[in-house]
């Protein structure tokens, strides 16, 4: 099996993630969305806006046009969690054809904890130093002894496909793993979550670093609309409609109208005498005097006009 390559991100004690190849990036997403074979839009800002629109409205197919191929080395028990994501192409190191290497995972002391009483799949609580030492000793003992027996069986001519069964799941394996951006983001969303097991989370975090570099606009949109975004069920929305005072909604909507006006002005500058009229067209209710005071404050944020208008429509629905 491979040693840790220089261009890889180290994970755990002996594992790694290395980006072997990537096909496409933000430009491929934009081209696929427009069914275009050219260079896409003339402005980078337009590409970013389209990608954000696609992510916000869950139009996932264009994101499938970007592909990543990774070379990864991880403990077998991590690989068995990993392979639950059945959307990738995988070619794994075979212990039927090749001999196992004496490479086993042993947890660092800070990651040895008790079984959580609240989460059947998690760990929690501080373990005594003596117990941490005992856990690590057991890991080493089982790893060393199982590999001795495995080597003895190999030397005796026992078939490798049978001898491998004696080895524990903290043995390191490795594979080539290829997936598209849409499904990779889904993987990262689950496996980089704070509730995911630490030993797989570090690999997911390492792959996320490659996504940031290859498709930065897509990664930004994913963070804004998936990781940090909120969705409400019909029941939750009903509670908001019943309990959120109209005056609060009106105040938020007025702020949004100012942001829409500022964003339109930023995209296509207007004369000063045209600004109040532009503001009123967006649904503003302030007097011209109040408008000028707020406008001159310099505190109005600029955003994406389409996003702001969609947000305004959502707020309106809370009043209906």
C-alpha atoms as a PDB file:
ATOM      1  CA  UNK A   1       0.000   0.000   0.000  1.00  0.00           C
ATOM      2  CA  UNK A   2       0.994   3.595  -0.537  1.00  0.00           C
ATOM      3  CA  UNK A   3       2.905   5.794   1.824  1.00  0.00           C
ATOM      4  CA  UNK A   4       1.542   9.286   2.318  1.00  0.00           C
ATOM      5  CA  UNK A   5       2.213  11.234  -0.926  1.00  0.00           C
ATOM      6  CA  UNK A   6       3.619  14.741  -0.675  1.00  0.00           C
ATOM      7  CA  UNK A   7       0.518  16.303  -2.255  1.00  0.00           C
ATOM      8  CA  UNK A   8      -1.926  14.450   0.024  1.00  0.00           C
ATOM      9  CA  UNK A   9      -3.745  15.647   3.134  1.00  0.00           C
ATOM     10  CA  UNK A  10      -2.845  13.445   6.085  1.00  0.00           C
ATOM     11  CA  UNK A  11      -5.772  11.904   7.967  1.00  0.00           C
ATOM     12  CA  UNK A  12      -5.544   9.995  11.260  1.00  0.00           C
ATOM     13  CA  UNK A  13      -2.207   8.326  12.010  1.00  0.00           C
ATOM     14  CA  UNK A  14      -1.454   6.643   8.673  1.00  0.00           C
ATOM     15  CA  UNK A  15      -4.243   7.667   6.279  1.00  0.00           C
ATOM     16  CA  UNK A  16      -4.570  10.360   3.637  1.00  0.00           C
ATOM     17  CA  UNK A  17      -6.748  11.939   0.954  1.00  0.00           C
ATOM     18  CA  UNK A  18      -5.191  12.986  -2.351  1.00  0.00           C
ATOM     19  CA  UNK A  19      -6.988  14.648  -5.241  1.00  0.00           C
ATOM     20  CA  UNK A  20      -5.853  12.722  -8.315  1.00  0.00           C
ATOM     21  CA  UNK A  21      -7.924  14.516 -10.925  1.00  0.00           C
ATOM     22  CA  UNK A  22     -10.881  16.852 -11.332  1.00  0.00           C
ATOM     23  CA  UNK A  23     -13.036  17.386 -14.394  1.00  0.00           C
ATOM     24  CA  UNK A  24     -14.698  20.782 -14.645  1.00  0.00           C
ATOM     25  CA  UNK A  25     -15.368  23.461 -12.078  1.00  0.00           C
ATOM     26  CA  UNK A  26     -17.703  26.408 -11.667  1.00  0.00           C
ATOM     27  CA  UNK A  27     -17.554  27.048 -15.424  1.00  0.00           C
ATOM     28  CA  UNK A  28     -18.758  23.505 -16.173  1.00  0.00           C
ATOM     29  CA  UNK A  29     -21.775  24.018 -13.910  1.00  0.00           C
ATOM     30  CA  UNK A  30     -22.699  27.232 -15.703  1.00  0.00           C
ATOM     31  CA  UNK A  31     -22.231  25.742 -19.169  1.00  0.00           C
ATOM     32  CA  UNK A  32     -24.363  22.722 -18.318  1.00  0.00           C
ATOM     33  CA  UNK A  33     -27.098  24.922 -16.896  1.00  0.00           C
ATOM     34  CA  UNK A  34     -27.237  26.964 -20.091  1.00  0.00           C
ATOM     35  CA  UNK A  35     -26.726  23.961 -22.394  1.00  0.00           C
ATOM     36  CA  UNK A  36     -23.835  25.958 -23.812  1.00  0.00           C
ATOM     37  CA  UNK A  37     -20.555  24.958 -25.394  1.00  0.00           C
ATOM     38  CA  UNK A  38     -18.977  28.383 -25.232  1.00  0.00           C
ATOM     39  CA  UNK A  39     -17.260  30.183 -22.396  1.00  0.00           C
ATOM     40  CA  UNK A  40     -20.503  30.981 -20.635  1.00  0.00           C
ATOM     41  CA  UNK A  41     -21.324  34.470 -19.486  1.00  0.00           C
ATOM     42  CA  UNK A  42     -19.071  37.458 -19.966  1.00  0.00           C
ATOM     43  CA  UNK A  43     -18.991  38.348 -16.264  1.00  0.00           C
ATOM     44  CA  UNK A  44     -17.782  36.174 -13.413  1.00  0.00           C
ATOM     45  CA  UNK A  45     -20.437  37.760 -11.185  1.00  0.00           C
ATOM     46  CA  UNK A  46     -23.142  36.384 -13.485  1.00  0.00           C
ATOM     47  CA  UNK A  47     -21.680  32.878 -13.210  1.00  0.00           C
ATOM     48  CA  UNK A  48     -21.707  33.176  -9.428  1.00  0.00           C
ATOM     49  CA  UNK A  49     -25.301  34.395  -9.429  1.00  0.00           C
ATOM     50  CA  UNK A  50     -26.466  31.495 -11.600  1.00  0.00           C
ATOM     51  CA  UNK A  51     -24.685  28.915  -9.439  1.00  0.00           C
ATOM     52  CA  UNK A  52     -26.272  30.392  -6.337  1.00  0.00           C
ATOM     53  CA  UNK A  53     -29.689  30.263  -8.020  1.00  0.00           C
ATOM     54  CA  UNK A  54     -29.193  26.595  -8.943  1.00  0.00           C
ATOM     55  CA  UNK A  55     -28.135  25.669  -5.415  1.00  0.00           C
ATOM     56  CA  UNK A  56     -30.913  27.694  -3.804  1.00  0.00           C
ATOM     57  CA  UNK A  57     -33.609  26.041  -5.912  1.00  0.00           C
ATOM     58  CA  UNK A  58     -32.038  22.566  -5.748  1.00  0.00           C
ATOM     59  CA  UNK A  59     -31.410  22.245  -9.483  1.00  0.00           C
ATOM     60  CA  UNK A  60     -28.800  19.547  -8.968  1.00  0.00           C
ATOM     61  CA  UNK A  61     -28.041  18.159 -12.434  1.00  0.00           C
ATOM     62  CA  UNK A  62     -25.520  20.871 -13.466  1.00  0.00           C
ATOM     63  CA  UNK A  63     -23.473  20.086 -10.354  1.00  0.00           C
ATOM     64  CA  UNK A  64     -23.185  16.478 -11.520  1.00  0.00           C
ATOM     65  CA  UNK A  65     -21.092  17.680 -14.481  1.00  0.00           C
ATOM     66  CA  UNK A  66     -18.098  18.267 -12.180  1.00  0.00           C
ATOM     67  CA  UNK A  67     -16.208  15.148 -11.118  1.00  0.00           C
ATOM     68  CA  UNK A  68     -13.484  14.415  -8.576  1.00  0.00           C
ATOM     69  CA  UNK A  69     -11.174  11.408  -8.364  1.00  0.00           C
ATOM     70  CA  UNK A  70      -9.467  10.817  -5.020  1.00  0.00           C
ATOM     71  CA  UNK A  71      -6.828   8.384  -3.826  1.00  0.00           C
ATOM     72  CA  UNK A  72      -7.636   7.604  -0.194  1.00  0.00           C
ATOM     73  CA  UNK A  73      -6.181   5.437   2.535  1.00  0.00           C
ATOM     74  CA  UNK A  74      -8.288   4.712   5.604  1.00  0.00           C
ATOM     75  CA  UNK A  75      -9.056   2.018   8.223  1.00  0.00           C
ATOM     76  CA  UNK A  76     -11.459  -0.665   7.021  1.00  0.00           C
ATOM     77  CA  UNK A  77     -14.151   0.342   9.531  1.00  0.00           C
ATOM     78  CA  UNK A  78     -14.073   3.871   8.066  1.00  0.00           C
ATOM     79  CA  UNK A  79     -14.268   2.469   4.530  1.00  0.00           C
ATOM     80  CA  UNK A  80     -17.386   0.491   5.465  1.00  0.00           C
ATOM     81  CA  UNK A  81     -19.149   3.675   6.570  1.00  0.00           C
ATOM     82  CA  UNK A  82     -17.852   5.486   3.504  1.00  0.00           C
ATOM     83  CA  UNK A  83     -19.120   2.893   1.033  1.00  0.00           C
ATOM     84  CA  UNK A  84     -22.665   3.408   2.294  1.00  0.00           C
ATOM     85  CA  UNK A  85     -22.703   6.348  -0.123  1.00  0.00           C
ATOM     86  CA  UNK A  86     -23.503   4.295  -3.202  1.00  0.00           C
ATOM     87  CA  UNK A  87     -23.123   7.010  -5.836  1.00  0.00           C
ATOM     88  CA  UNK A  88     -19.365   6.702  -6.421  1.00  0.00           C
ATOM     89  CA  UNK A  89     -17.075   4.552  -8.554  1.00  0.00           C
ATOM     90  CA  UNK A  90     -14.621   2.672  -6.335  1.00  0.00           C
ATOM     91  CA  UNK A  91     -11.607   0.447  -6.901  1.00  0.00           C
ATOM     92  CA  UNK A  92     -10.172  -0.873  -3.633  1.00  0.00           C
ATOM     93  CA  UNK A  93      -6.895  -2.558  -2.724  1.00  0.00           C
ATOM     94  CA  UNK A  94      -7.584  -6.306  -2.844  1.00  0.00           C
ATOM     95  CA  UNK A  95      -6.391  -8.652  -0.117  1.00  0.00           C
ATOM     96  CA  UNK A  96      -7.249 -11.600  -2.372  1.00  0.00           C
ATOM     97  CA  UNK A  97      -4.531 -10.602  -4.837  1.00  0.00           C
ATOM     98  CA  UNK A  98      -2.109  -8.718  -2.595  1.00  0.00           C
ATOM     99  CA  UNK A  99      -0.739  -9.220   0.878  1.00  0.00           C
ATOM    100  CA  UNK A 100      -1.826  -6.965   3.711  1.00  0.00           C
ATOM    101  CA  UNK A 101       0.610  -4.444   5.139  1.00  0.00           C
ATOM    102  CA  UNK A 102       1.307  -4.125   8.833  1.00  0.00           C
ATOM    103  CA  UNK A 103      -0.587  -0.833   9.095  1.00  0.00           C
ATOM    104  CA  UNK A 104      -3.275  -0.485  11.736  1.00  0.00           C
ATOM    105  CA  UNK A 105      -5.151   2.470  13.171  1.00  0.00           C
ATOM    106  CA  UNK A 106      -4.650   3.292  16.834  1.00  0.00           C
ATOM    107  CA  UNK A 107      -6.687   6.219  18.213  1.00  0.00           C
ATOM    108  CA  UNK A 108      -5.015   9.202  19.800  1.00  0.00           C
ATOM    109  CA  UNK A 109      -5.750   9.498  23.538  1.00  0.00           C
ATOM    110  CA  UNK A 110      -7.931  12.600  23.130  1.00  0.00           C
ATOM    111  CA  UNK A 111     -10.346  10.655  20.909  1.00  0.00           C
ATOM    112  CA  UNK A 112     -10.912   7.819  23.376  1.00  0.00           C
ATOM    113  CA  UNK A 113     -14.206   8.492  25.170  1.00  0.00           C
ATOM    114  CA  UNK A 114     -17.151   6.675  26.736  1.00  0.00           C
ATOM    115  CA  UNK A 115     -20.229   5.526  24.843  1.00  0.00           C
ATOM    116  CA  UNK A 116     -22.742   8.383  24.818  1.00  0.00           C
ATOM    117  CA  UNK A 117     -25.933   7.726  26.782  1.00  0.00           C
ATOM    118  CA  UNK A 118     -27.776  10.215  24.552  1.00  0.00           C
ATOM    119  CA  UNK A 119     -26.559   9.094  21.132  1.00  0.00           C
ATOM    120  CA  UNK A 120     -26.306   5.379  20.367  1.00  0.00           C
ATOM    121  CA  UNK A 121     -23.854   6.166  17.563  1.00  0.00           C
ATOM    122  CA  UNK A 122     -21.624   8.599  19.428  1.00  0.00           C
ATOM    123  CA  UNK A 123     -19.035   8.996  22.139  1.00  0.00           C
ATOM    124  CA  UNK A 124     -18.971  11.436  25.025  1.00  0.00           C
ATOM    125  CA  UNK A 125     -17.198  12.151  28.281  1.00  0.00           C
ATOM    126  CA  UNK A 126     -13.664  12.212  29.591  1.00  0.00           C
ATOM    127  CA  UNK A 127     -11.908   8.875  30.086  1.00  0.00           C
ATOM    128  CA  UNK A 128      -9.209   8.373  32.708  1.00  0.00           C
ATOM    129  CA  UNK A 129      -5.600   8.292  31.556  1.00  0.00           C
ATOM    130  CA  UNK A 130      -5.222   4.712  32.775  1.00  0.00           C
ATOM    131  CA  UNK A 131      -8.189   3.561  30.673  1.00  0.00           C
ATOM    132  CA  UNK A 132      -6.886   5.446  27.631  1.00  0.00           C
ATOM    133  CA  UNK A 133      -3.575   3.650  28.003  1.00  0.00           C
ATOM    134  CA  UNK A 134      -5.350   0.299  28.309  1.00  0.00           C
ATOM    135  CA  UNK A 135      -7.430   0.963  25.162  1.00  0.00           C
ATOM    136  CA  UNK A 136      -4.353   1.838  23.129  1.00  0.00           C
ATOM    137  CA  UNK A 137      -2.498  -1.198  24.483  1.00  0.00           C
ATOM    138  CA  UNK A 138      -5.373  -3.459  23.429  1.00  0.00           C
ATOM    139  CA  UNK A 139      -5.416  -1.920  19.954  1.00  0.00           C
ATOM    140  CA  UNK A 140      -1.696  -2.570  19.599  1.00  0.00           C
ATOM    141  CA  UNK A 141      -1.919  -6.073  21.046  1.00  0.00           C
ATOM    142  CA  UNK A 142      -4.756  -7.221  18.783  1.00  0.00           C
ATOM    143  CA  UNK A 143      -3.200  -5.572  15.724  1.00  0.00           C
ATOM    144  CA  UNK A 144       0.218  -7.141  16.305  1.00  0.00           C
ATOM    145  CA  UNK A 145      -1.096 -10.597  17.174  1.00  0.00           C
ATOM    146  CA  UNK A 146      -3.560 -10.773  14.282  1.00  0.00           C
ATOM    147  CA  UNK A 147      -0.865  -9.766  11.808  1.00  0.00           C
ATOM    148  CA  UNK A 148       1.493 -12.405  13.216  1.00  0.00           C
ATOM    149  CA  UNK A 149      -1.163 -15.079  12.665  1.00  0.00           C
ATOM    150  CA  UNK A 150      -1.963 -13.703   9.206  1.00  0.00           C
ATOM    151  CA  UNK A 151       1.720 -13.823   8.237  1.00  0.00           C
ATOM    152  CA  UNK A 152       2.010 -17.366   9.594  1.00  0.00           C
ATOM    153  CA  UNK A 153      -0.961 -18.490   7.489  1.00  0.00           C
ATOM    154  CA  UNK A 154       0.516 -16.814   4.418  1.00  0.00           C
ATOM    155  CA  UNK A 155       3.870 -18.505   4.969  1.00  0.00           C
ATOM    156  CA  UNK A 156       2.071 -21.847   5.297  1.00  0.00           C
ATOM    157  CA  UNK A 157       0.494 -21.319   1.885  1.00  0.00           C
ATOM    158  CA  UNK A 158      -3.076 -20.705   3.060  1.00  0.00           C
ATOM    159  CA  UNK A 159      -5.061 -18.780   0.451  1.00  0.00           C
ATOM    160  CA  UNK A 160      -4.872 -15.015   0.935  1.00  0.00           C
ATOM    161  CA  UNK A 161      -8.634 -14.682   0.461  1.00  0.00           C
ATOM    162  CA  UNK A 162      -9.100 -16.809   3.583  1.00  0.00           C
ATOM    163  CA  UNK A 163      -6.128 -15.641   5.644  1.00  0.00           C
ATOM    164  CA  UNK A 164      -7.301 -12.025   5.415  1.00  0.00           C
ATOM    165  CA  UNK A 165     -10.402 -12.866   7.466  1.00  0.00           C
ATOM    166  CA  UNK A 166      -8.246 -13.011  10.597  1.00  0.00           C
ATOM    167  CA  UNK A 167      -7.417  -9.296  10.367  1.00  0.00           C
ATOM    168  CA  UNK A 168      -9.397  -6.686  12.370  1.00  0.00           C
ATOM    169  CA  UNK A 169     -11.219  -3.694  10.888  1.00  0.00           C
ATOM    170  CA  UNK A 170      -8.641  -1.168  12.093  1.00  0.00           C
ATOM    171  CA  UNK A 171      -6.364  -2.452   9.300  1.00  0.00           C
ATOM    172  CA  UNK A 172      -5.711   0.213   6.679  1.00  0.00           C
ATOM    173  CA  UNK A 173      -7.047  -0.200   3.166  1.00  0.00           C
ATOM    174  CA  UNK A 174      -6.994   2.204   0.234  1.00  0.00           C
ATOM    175  CA  UNK A 175      -8.947   2.946  -2.903  1.00  0.00           C
ATOM    176  CA  UNK A 176      -9.575   5.251  -5.807  1.00  0.00           C
ATOM    177  CA  UNK A 177     -12.923   6.978  -5.314  1.00  0.00           C
ATOM    178  CA  UNK A 178     -14.626   8.996  -8.075  1.00  0.00           C
ATOM    179  CA  UNK A 179     -17.798  11.001  -7.595  1.00  0.00           C
ATOM    180  CA  UNK A 180     -19.615  14.015  -9.019  1.00  0.00           C
ATOM    181  CA  UNK A 181     -19.882  17.313  -7.160  1.00  0.00           C
ATOM    182  CA  UNK A 182     -23.577  16.998  -6.295  1.00  0.00           C
ATOM    183  CA  UNK A 183     -23.139  13.659  -4.550  1.00  0.00           C
ATOM    184  CA  UNK A 184     -19.796  14.672  -3.053  1.00  0.00           C
ATOM    185  CA  UNK A 185     -21.458  17.659  -1.383  1.00  0.00           C
ATOM    186  CA  UNK A 186     -24.128  15.329  -0.016  1.00  0.00           C
ATOM    187  CA  UNK A 187     -21.361  13.103   1.374  1.00  0.00           C
ATOM    188  CA  UNK A 188     -19.596  16.079   2.951  1.00  0.00           C
ATOM    189  CA  UNK A 189     -22.866  17.348   4.408  1.00  0.00           C
ATOM    190  CA  UNK A 190     -23.347  14.093   6.299  1.00  0.00           C
ATOM    191  CA  UNK A 191     -19.775  13.091   7.102  1.00  0.00           C
ATOM    192  CA  UNK A 192     -18.391  16.516   8.026  1.00  0.00           C
ATOM    193  CA  UNK A 193     -21.303  17.121  10.376  1.00  0.00           C
ATOM    194  CA  UNK A 194     -20.353  17.427  14.035  1.00  0.00           C
ATOM    195  CA  UNK A 195     -22.419  14.295  14.788  1.00  0.00           C
ATOM    196  CA  UNK A 196     -20.445  12.131  12.346  1.00  0.00           C
ATOM    197  CA  UNK A 197     -17.772   9.802  13.696  1.00  0.00           C
ATOM    198  CA  UNK A 198     -14.457  11.596  14.075  1.00  0.00           C
ATOM    199  CA  UNK A 199     -12.524   8.979  12.112  1.00  0.00           C
ATOM    200  CA  UNK A 200     -14.540   9.547   8.925  1.00  0.00           C
ATOM    201  CA  UNK A 201     -15.061  13.265   9.496  1.00  0.00           C
ATOM    202  CA  UNK A 202     -11.372  14.017   8.994  1.00  0.00           C
ATOM    203  CA  UNK A 203     -11.468  12.392   5.540  1.00  0.00           C
ATOM    204  CA  UNK A 204     -14.610  14.292   4.572  1.00  0.00           C
ATOM    205  CA  UNK A 205     -13.051  17.572   5.704  1.00  0.00           C
ATOM    206  CA  UNK A 206      -9.970  16.813   3.601  1.00  0.00           C
ATOM    207  CA  UNK A 207     -12.062  16.241   0.461  1.00  0.00           C
ATOM    208  CA  UNK A 208     -13.973  19.445   1.151  1.00  0.00           C
ATOM    209  CA  UNK A 209     -10.693  21.343   0.791  1.00  0.00           C
ATOM    210  CA  UNK A 210     -10.466  20.137  -2.817  1.00  0.00           C
ATOM    211  CA  UNK A 211     -14.028  21.253  -3.544  1.00  0.00           C
ATOM    212  CA  UNK A 212     -13.223  24.751  -2.267  1.00  0.00           C
ATOM    213  CA  UNK A 213     -10.339  25.030  -4.734  1.00  0.00           C
ATOM    214  CA  UNK A 214     -11.972  23.428  -7.790  1.00  0.00           C
ATOM    215  CA  UNK A 215     -15.450  24.989  -7.513  1.00  0.00           C
ATOM    216  CA  UNK A 216     -15.293  27.948  -5.088  1.00  0.00           C
ATOM    217  CA  UNK A 217     -18.631  29.498  -6.147  1.00  0.00           C
ATOM    218  CA  UNK A 218     -20.415  26.166  -5.763  1.00  0.00           C
ATOM    219  CA  UNK A 219     -18.823  25.671  -2.348  1.00  0.00           C
ATOM    220  CA  UNK A 220     -19.866  29.166  -1.258  1.00  0.00           C
ATOM    221  CA  UNK A 221     -23.455  28.553  -2.387  1.00  0.00           C
ATOM    222  CA  UNK A 222     -23.495  25.178  -0.645  1.00  0.00           C
ATOM    223  CA  UNK A 223     -22.393  26.797   2.612  1.00  0.00           C
ATOM    224  CA  UNK A 224     -24.987  29.570   2.326  1.00  0.00           C
ATOM    225  CA  UNK A 225     -28.029  27.534   1.280  1.00  0.00           C
ATOM    226  CA  UNK A 226     -27.416  24.019   2.583  1.00  0.00           C
ATOM    227  CA  UNK A 227     -25.055  24.122   5.555  1.00  0.00           C
ATOM    228  CA  UNK A 228     -26.187  27.458   7.004  1.00  0.00           C
ATOM    229  CA  UNK A 229     -29.650  27.622   5.442  1.00  0.00           C
ATOM    230  CA  UNK A 230     -32.936  26.738   7.138  1.00  0.00           C
ATOM    231  CA  UNK A 231     -36.012  25.011   5.760  1.00  0.00           C
ATOM    232  CA  UNK A 232     -39.383  25.075   7.465  1.00  0.00           C
ATOM    233  CA  UNK A 233     -41.985  22.347   7.393  1.00  0.00           C
ATOM    234  CA  UNK A 234     -45.632  23.185   6.723  1.00  0.00           C
ATOM    235  CA  UNK A 235     -46.309  22.985  10.461  1.00  0.00           C
ATOM    236  CA  UNK A 236     -43.373  25.256  11.324  1.00  0.00           C
ATOM    237  CA  UNK A 237     -44.365  27.792   8.694  1.00  0.00           C
ATOM    238  CA  UNK A 238     -47.903  27.778  10.049  1.00  0.00           C
ATOM    239  CA  UNK A 239     -46.611  28.604  13.517  1.00  0.00           C
ATOM    240  CA  UNK A 240     -44.591  31.501  12.108  1.00  0.00           C
ATOM    241  CA  UNK A 241     -47.619  32.843  10.255  1.00  0.00           C
ATOM    242  CA  UNK A 242     -49.710  32.703  13.422  1.00  0.00           C
ATOM    243  CA  UNK A 243     -47.199  34.113  15.880  1.00  0.00           C
ATOM    244  CA  UNK A 244     -44.919  36.490  13.968  1.00  0.00           C
ATOM    245  CA  UNK A 245     -46.315  40.044  14.327  1.00  0.00           C
ATOM    246  CA  UNK A 246     -47.049  41.839  11.052  1.00  0.00           C
ATOM    247  CA  UNK A 247     -45.028  44.846  12.194  1.00  0.00           C
ATOM    248  CA  UNK A 248     -41.905  42.667  12.438  1.00  0.00           C
ATOM    249  CA  UNK A 249     -42.484  41.323   8.928  1.00  0.00           C
ATOM    250  CA  UNK A 250     -43.093  44.870   7.654  1.00  0.00           C
ATOM    251  CA  UNK A 251     -39.834  46.123   9.181  1.00  0.00           C
ATOM    252  CA  UNK A 252     -37.854  43.298   7.615  1.00  0.00           C
ATOM    253  CA  UNK A 253     -39.528  43.832   4.248  1.00  0.00           C
ATOM    254  CA  UNK A 254     -38.698  47.533   4.335  1.00  0.00           C
ATOM    255  CA  UNK A 255     -35.039  46.677   4.935  1.00  0.00           C
ATOM    256  CA  UNK A 256     -35.168  44.266   1.998  1.00  0.00           C
ATOM    257  CA  UNK A 257     -36.645  46.962  -0.262  1.00  0.00           C
ATOM    258  CA  UNK A 258     -33.744  49.257   0.608  1.00  0.00           C
ATOM    259  CA  UNK A 259     -31.267  46.479  -0.175  1.00  0.00           C
ATOM    260  CA  UNK A 260     -32.960  45.759  -3.513  1.00  0.00           C
ATOM    261  CA  UNK A 261     -32.783  49.445  -4.403  1.00  0.00           C
ATOM    262  CA  UNK A 262     -29.116  49.680  -3.432  1.00  0.00           C
ATOM    263  CA  UNK A 263     -28.314  46.499  -5.364  1.00  0.00           C
ATOM    264  CA  UNK A 264     -30.067  47.732  -8.514  1.00  0.00           C
ATOM    265  CA  UNK A 265     -28.204  51.023  -8.217  1.00  0.00           C
ATOM    266  CA  UNK A 266     -24.927  49.159  -7.718  1.00  0.00           C
ATOM    267  CA  UNK A 267     -25.534  47.058 -10.842  1.00  0.00           C
ATOM    268  CA  UNK A 268     -26.654  50.021 -12.937  1.00  0.00           C
ATOM    269  CA  UNK A 269     -25.923  53.428 -11.359  1.00  0.00           C
ATOM    270  CA  UNK A 270     -28.784  55.951 -11.346  1.00  0.00           C
ATOM    271  CA  UNK A 271     -28.849  59.699 -10.937  1.00  0.00           C
ATOM    272  CA  UNK A 272     -29.540  60.903  -7.400  1.00  0.00           C
ATOM    273  CA  UNK A 273     -32.972  62.239  -8.333  1.00  0.00           C
ATOM    274  CA  UNK A 274     -33.974  58.791  -9.673  1.00  0.00           C
ATOM    275  CA  UNK A 275     -33.233  56.830  -6.508  1.00  0.00           C
ATOM    276  CA  UNK A 276     -36.394  57.581  -4.537  1.00  0.00           C
ATOM    277  CA  UNK A 277     -38.561  56.648  -7.514  1.00  0.00           C
ATOM    278  CA  UNK A 278     -36.605  53.395  -7.873  1.00  0.00           C
ATOM    279  CA  UNK A 279     -37.145  52.682  -4.179  1.00  0.00           C
ATOM    280  CA  UNK A 280     -40.920  53.260  -4.461  1.00  0.00           C
ATOM    281  CA  UNK A 281     -41.116  50.886  -7.443  1.00  0.00           C
ATOM    282  CA  UNK A 282     -39.718  48.128  -5.222  1.00  0.00           C
ATOM    283  CA  UNK A 283     -42.566  48.633  -2.737  1.00  0.00           C
ATOM    284  CA  UNK A 284     -40.993  51.085  -0.292  1.00  0.00           C
ATOM    285  CA  UNK A 285     -43.261  53.009   2.098  1.00  0.00           C
ATOM    286  CA  UNK A 286     -40.959  55.643   3.626  1.00  0.00           C
ATOM    287  CA  UNK A 287     -41.305  59.321   2.820  1.00  0.00           C
ATOM    288  CA  UNK A 288     -38.694  60.907   0.576  1.00  0.00           C
ATOM    289  CA  UNK A 289     -37.206  62.679   3.584  1.00  0.00           C
ATOM    290  CA  UNK A 290     -36.836  59.425   5.548  1.00  0.00           C
ATOM    291  CA  UNK A 291     -35.489  57.691   2.464  1.00  0.00           C
ATOM    292  CA  UNK A 292     -32.762  60.298   2.023  1.00  0.00           C
ATOM    293  CA  UNK A 293     -31.740  59.980   5.674  1.00  0.00           C
ATOM    294  CA  UNK A 294     -31.390  56.201   5.455  1.00  0.00           C
ATOM    295  CA  UNK A 295     -29.732  56.317   2.044  1.00  0.00           C
ATOM    296  CA  UNK A 296     -27.135  58.854   3.149  1.00  0.00           C
ATOM    297  CA  UNK A 297     -26.272  56.777   6.220  1.00  0.00           C
ATOM    298  CA  UNK A 298     -24.185  54.457   4.031  1.00  0.00           C
ATOM    299  CA  UNK A 299     -25.352  51.419   6.020  1.00  0.00           C
ATOM    300  CA  UNK A 300     -27.518  49.769   3.355  1.00  0.00           C
ATOM    301  CA  UNK A 301     -26.084  46.423   2.263  1.00  0.00           C
ATOM    302  CA  UNK A 302     -25.857  45.306  -1.351  1.00  0.00           C
ATOM    303  CA  UNK A 303     -26.873  41.776  -2.335  1.00  0.00           C
ATOM    304  CA  UNK A 304     -28.209  39.609  -5.124  1.00  0.00           C
ATOM    305  CA  UNK A 305     -31.391  41.194  -6.485  1.00  0.00           C
ATOM    306  CA  UNK A 306     -33.024  37.887  -7.372  1.00  0.00           C
ATOM    307  CA  UNK A 307     -32.351  36.434  -3.929  1.00  0.00           C
ATOM    308  CA  UNK A 308     -33.636  39.539  -2.200  1.00  0.00           C
ATOM    309  CA  UNK A 309     -36.842  39.554  -4.234  1.00  0.00           C
ATOM    310  CA  UNK A 310     -37.439  35.883  -3.489  1.00  0.00           C
ATOM    311  CA  UNK A 311     -36.926  36.574   0.195  1.00  0.00           C
ATOM    312  CA  UNK A 312     -39.424  39.420  -0.038  1.00  0.00           C
ATOM    313  CA  UNK A 313     -42.005  37.062  -1.572  1.00  0.00           C
ATOM    314  CA  UNK A 314     -41.460  34.578   1.258  1.00  0.00           C
ATOM    315  CA  UNK A 315     -42.024  37.316   3.813  1.00  0.00           C
ATOM    316  CA  UNK A 316     -45.221  38.352   2.045  1.00  0.00           C
ATOM    317  CA  UNK A 317     -46.482  34.776   2.298  1.00  0.00           C
ATOM    318  CA  UNK A 318     -46.193  34.991   6.095  1.00  0.00           C
ATOM    319  CA  UNK A 319     -48.734  37.828   6.094  1.00  0.00           C
ATOM    320  CA  UNK A 320     -51.249  36.169   3.762  1.00  0.00           C
END
